[in-house]
Amino acid sequence: MIVKVKLFAVLKEALGESVEIDLPQPATVSNLLEQFAEQYPQFRSALPSLNVAVDYTYSRGDHVIDPGQEVAIFPPVSGG
């Protein structure tokens, strides 16, 4: 399945507003991050600190991504 992933901050500056990632079904957040690193190896070292949201909810490794869900990747966010 093709997942459109919205990007924010430095990711958006480098790659644009979104990218498409081809994932097997069922797909998890871990699968997404692995494939993201394959497609964009310049961000591999940042993987441990990247956040993923699925349908506006922070999601971790084993969270399943269903077709049509909104997915976003972004670096840590701090307030202030």
N, C-alpha and C. Protein backbone atom coordinates (compact mmCIF):
# COMPACT_ATOMS: atom_id res chain seq x y z
N MET A 1 0.85 -1.18 0.00
CA MET A 1 0.00 0.00 0.00
C MET A 1 0.89 1.23 0.00
N ILE A 2 0.43 2.26 -0.67
CA ILE A 2 1.16 3.52 -0.72
C ILE A 2 0.60 4.43 0.39
N VAL A 3 1.49 4.91 1.24
CA VAL A 3 1.09 5.80 2.33
C VAL A 3 1.68 7.18 2.06
N LYS A 4 0.82 8.19 2.05
CA LYS A 4 1.29 9.57 1.93
C LYS A 4 1.62 10.05 3.33
N VAL A 5 2.86 10.49 3.51
CA VAL A 5 3.35 10.88 4.84
C VAL A 5 3.63 12.37 4.84
N LYS A 6 2.95 13.08 5.72
CA LYS A 6 3.19 14.52 5.88
C LYS A 6 4.47 14.71 6.67
N LEU A 7 5.24 15.73 6.31
CA LEU A 7 6.50 16.01 6.97
C LEU A 7 6.49 17.40 7.59
N PHE A 8 7.28 17.58 8.64
CA PHE A 8 7.34 18.85 9.34
C PHE A 8 8.78 19.22 9.68
N ALA A 9 8.98 20.50 9.94
CA ALA A 9 10.27 21.06 10.37
C ALA A 9 11.38 20.74 9.36
N VAL A 10 12.52 20.25 9.84
CA VAL A 10 13.67 20.03 8.98
C VAL A 10 13.37 19.00 7.88
N LEU A 11 12.50 18.05 8.16
CA LEU A 11 12.13 17.06 7.14
C LEU A 11 11.40 17.73 5.98
N LYS A 12 10.49 18.62 6.32
CA LYS A 12 9.73 19.36 5.30
C LYS A 12 10.66 20.26 4.49
N GLU A 13 11.61 20.90 5.17
CA GLU A 13 12.55 21.77 4.47
C GLU A 13 13.39 20.98 3.46
N ALA A 14 13.75 19.76 3.81
CA ALA A 14 14.63 18.96 2.95
C ALA A 14 13.88 18.21 1.85
N LEU A 15 12.66 17.73 2.16
CA LEU A 15 11.97 16.82 1.24
C LEU A 15 10.65 17.34 0.69
N GLY A 16 10.15 18.45 1.25
CA GLY A 16 8.85 18.97 0.82
C GLY A 16 7.77 18.61 1.83
N GLU A 17 6.54 18.97 1.49
CA GLU A 17 5.43 18.80 2.44
C GLU A 17 5.08 17.35 2.74
N SER A 18 5.31 16.46 1.76
CA SER A 18 4.97 15.06 1.98
C SER A 18 5.78 14.17 1.05
N VAL A 19 5.83 12.89 1.42
CA VAL A 19 6.45 11.86 0.59
C VAL A 19 5.51 10.66 0.56
N GLU A 20 5.70 9.82 -0.43
CA GLU A 20 4.93 8.58 -0.50
C GLU A 20 5.86 7.42 -0.20
N ILE A 21 5.37 6.52 0.64
CA ILE A 21 6.15 5.36 1.05
C ILE A 21 5.32 4.11 0.76
N ASP A 22 5.93 3.16 0.08
CA ASP A 22 5.26 1.90 -0.25
C ASP A 22 5.52 0.90 0.88
N LEU A 23 4.45 0.43 1.51
CA LEU A 23 4.57 -0.48 2.64
C LEU A 23 3.78 -1.76 2.38
N PRO A 24 4.26 -2.88 2.94
CA PRO A 24 3.49 -4.12 2.85
C PRO A 24 2.29 -4.03 3.80
N GLN A 25 1.30 -4.86 3.57
CA GLN A 25 0.17 -4.91 4.50
C GLN A 25 0.24 -6.23 5.25
N PRO A 26 0.00 -6.26 6.54
CA PRO A 26 -0.21 -5.10 7.40
C PRO A 26 1.10 -4.35 7.64
N ALA A 27 1.00 -3.06 7.78
CA ALA A 27 2.16 -2.21 8.00
C ALA A 27 2.12 -1.63 9.41
N THR A 28 3.30 -1.45 9.97
CA THR A 28 3.40 -0.85 11.30
C THR A 28 4.24 0.43 11.21
N VAL A 29 4.24 1.18 12.29
CA VAL A 29 5.06 2.38 12.37
C VAL A 29 6.54 2.00 12.19
N SER A 30 6.96 0.88 12.73
CA SER A 30 8.35 0.43 12.54
C SER A 30 8.65 0.19 11.07
N ASN A 31 7.72 -0.46 10.35
CA ASN A 31 7.90 -0.66 8.91
C ASN A 31 8.05 0.67 8.19
N LEU A 32 7.21 1.62 8.58
CA LEU A 32 7.24 2.94 7.96
C LEU A 32 8.60 3.60 8.15
N LEU A 33 9.11 3.59 9.38
CA LEU A 33 10.39 4.23 9.66
C LEU A 33 11.54 3.52 8.95
N GLU A 34 11.49 2.19 8.89
CA GLU A 34 12.52 1.44 8.18
C GLU A 34 12.54 1.83 6.70
N GLN A 35 11.37 1.89 6.09
CA GLN A 35 11.30 2.23 4.67
C GLN A 35 11.68 3.69 4.44
N PHE A 36 11.30 4.58 5.35
CA PHE A 36 11.69 5.99 5.26
C PHE A 36 13.21 6.10 5.24
N ALA A 37 13.88 5.34 6.11
CA ALA A 37 15.34 5.37 6.17
C ALA A 37 15.97 4.79 4.90
N GLU A 38 15.31 3.81 4.31
CA GLU A 38 15.81 3.25 3.04
C GLU A 38 15.72 4.28 1.92
N GLN A 39 14.59 4.98 1.86
CA GLN A 39 14.38 5.97 0.80
C GLN A 39 15.18 7.24 1.03
N TYR A 40 15.39 7.61 2.28
CA TYR A 40 16.06 8.86 2.62
C TYR A 40 17.15 8.58 3.66
N PRO A 41 18.24 7.95 3.22
CA PRO A 41 19.29 7.53 4.16
C PRO A 41 19.94 8.68 4.93
N GLN A 42 19.81 9.90 4.43
CA GLN A 42 20.39 11.04 5.15
C GLN A 42 19.71 11.26 6.50
N PHE A 43 18.53 10.65 6.70
CA PHE A 43 17.82 10.81 7.98
C PHE A 43 17.90 9.56 8.85
N ARG A 44 18.68 8.55 8.44
CA ARG A 44 18.77 7.30 9.21
C ARG A 44 19.21 7.56 10.66
N SER A 45 20.20 8.42 10.84
CA SER A 45 20.70 8.67 12.20
C SER A 45 19.67 9.39 13.08
N ALA A 46 18.69 10.03 12.46
CA ALA A 46 17.65 10.75 13.22
C ALA A 46 16.49 9.85 13.63
N LEU A 47 16.42 8.62 13.10
CA LEU A 47 15.26 7.76 13.36
C LEU A 47 14.89 7.63 14.83
N PRO A 48 15.85 7.42 15.74
CA PRO A 48 15.46 7.24 17.15
C PRO A 48 14.73 8.45 17.74
N SER A 49 14.93 9.62 17.18
CA SER A 49 14.30 10.80 17.76
C SER A 49 13.05 11.26 17.01
N LEU A 50 12.75 10.66 15.87
CA LEU A 50 11.58 11.08 15.10
C LEU A 50 10.29 10.60 15.74
N ASN A 51 9.27 11.42 15.64
CA ASN A 51 7.94 11.07 16.13
C ASN A 51 7.06 10.73 14.94
N VAL A 52 6.12 9.82 15.16
CA VAL A 52 5.15 9.46 14.14
C VAL A 52 3.76 9.63 14.74
N ALA A 53 2.89 10.26 13.97
CA ALA A 53 1.48 10.37 14.37
C ALA A 53 0.64 9.68 13.30
N VAL A 54 -0.31 8.88 13.76
CA VAL A 54 -1.27 8.24 12.88
C VAL A 54 -2.64 8.75 13.28
N ASP A 55 -3.31 9.40 12.34
CA ASP A 55 -4.60 10.04 12.62
C ASP A 55 -4.52 10.94 13.86
N TYR A 56 -3.49 11.78 13.90
CA TYR A 56 -3.28 12.81 14.92
C TYR A 56 -2.95 12.26 16.30
N THR A 57 -2.54 10.99 16.39
CA THR A 57 -2.19 10.39 17.67
C THR A 57 -0.77 9.87 17.59
N TYR A 58 0.09 10.27 18.56
CA TYR A 58 1.45 9.74 18.60
C TYR A 58 1.36 8.22 18.59
N SER A 59 2.20 7.59 17.76
CA SER A 59 2.15 6.14 17.63
C SER A 59 3.56 5.57 17.67
N ARG A 60 3.69 4.39 18.23
CA ARG A 60 4.99 3.74 18.38
C ARG A 60 5.10 2.52 17.46
N GLY A 61 6.22 1.85 17.52
CA GLY A 61 6.63 0.77 16.65
C GLY A 61 5.63 -0.23 16.16
N ASP A 62 4.86 -0.85 17.05
CA ASP A 62 3.97 -1.92 16.63
C ASP A 62 2.57 -1.46 16.25
N HIS A 63 2.34 -0.15 16.26
CA HIS A 63 1.04 0.39 15.88
C HIS A 63 0.79 0.11 14.39
N VAL A 64 -0.36 -0.49 14.08
CA VAL A 64 -0.69 -0.84 12.70
C VAL A 64 -1.23 0.39 11.97
N ILE A 65 -0.73 0.57 10.75
CA ILE A 65 -1.20 1.65 9.87
C ILE A 65 -2.15 1.04 8.85
N ASP A 66 -3.39 1.48 8.87
CA ASP A 66 -4.39 0.99 7.94
C ASP A 66 -4.45 1.88 6.70
N PRO A 67 -4.87 1.33 5.56
CA PRO A 67 -5.02 2.15 4.36
C PRO A 67 -5.91 3.37 4.62
N GLY A 68 -5.50 4.51 4.12
CA GLY A 68 -6.30 5.72 4.24
C GLY A 68 -6.06 6.54 5.50
N GLN A 69 -5.29 6.02 6.44
CA GLN A 69 -5.03 6.80 7.64
C GLN A 69 -4.04 7.91 7.34
N GLU A 70 -4.16 9.01 8.08
CA GLU A 70 -3.23 10.13 7.92
C GLU A 70 -2.01 9.87 8.78
N VAL A 71 -0.83 9.99 8.14
CA VAL A 71 0.43 9.69 8.81
C VAL A 71 1.34 10.91 8.70
N ALA A 72 2.05 11.21 9.79
CA ALA A 72 2.99 12.33 9.79
C ALA A 72 4.25 11.91 10.52
N ILE A 73 5.39 12.43 10.05
CA ILE A 73 6.67 12.24 10.72
C ILE A 73 7.23 13.61 11.03
N PHE A 74 7.72 13.76 12.27
CA PHE A 74 8.28 15.05 12.65
C PHE A 74 9.32 14.87 13.76
N PRO A 75 10.27 15.78 13.82
CA PRO A 75 11.28 15.73 14.87
C PRO A 75 10.66 16.12 16.22
N PRO A 76 11.41 15.94 17.31
CA PRO A 76 10.88 16.31 18.64
C PRO A 76 10.40 17.75 18.65
N VAL A 77 9.33 17.97 19.41
CA VAL A 77 8.73 19.29 19.52
C VAL A 77 8.92 19.78 20.95
N SER A 78 9.35 21.02 21.07
CA SER A 78 9.48 21.59 22.41
C SER A 78 8.65 22.86 22.49
N GLY A 79 8.15 23.10 23.66
CA GLY A 79 7.31 24.30 23.87
C GLY A 79 8.15 25.44 24.38
N GLY A 80 7.49 26.57 24.52
CA GLY A 80 8.27 27.64 25.08
C GLY A 80 7.73 28.93 24.82
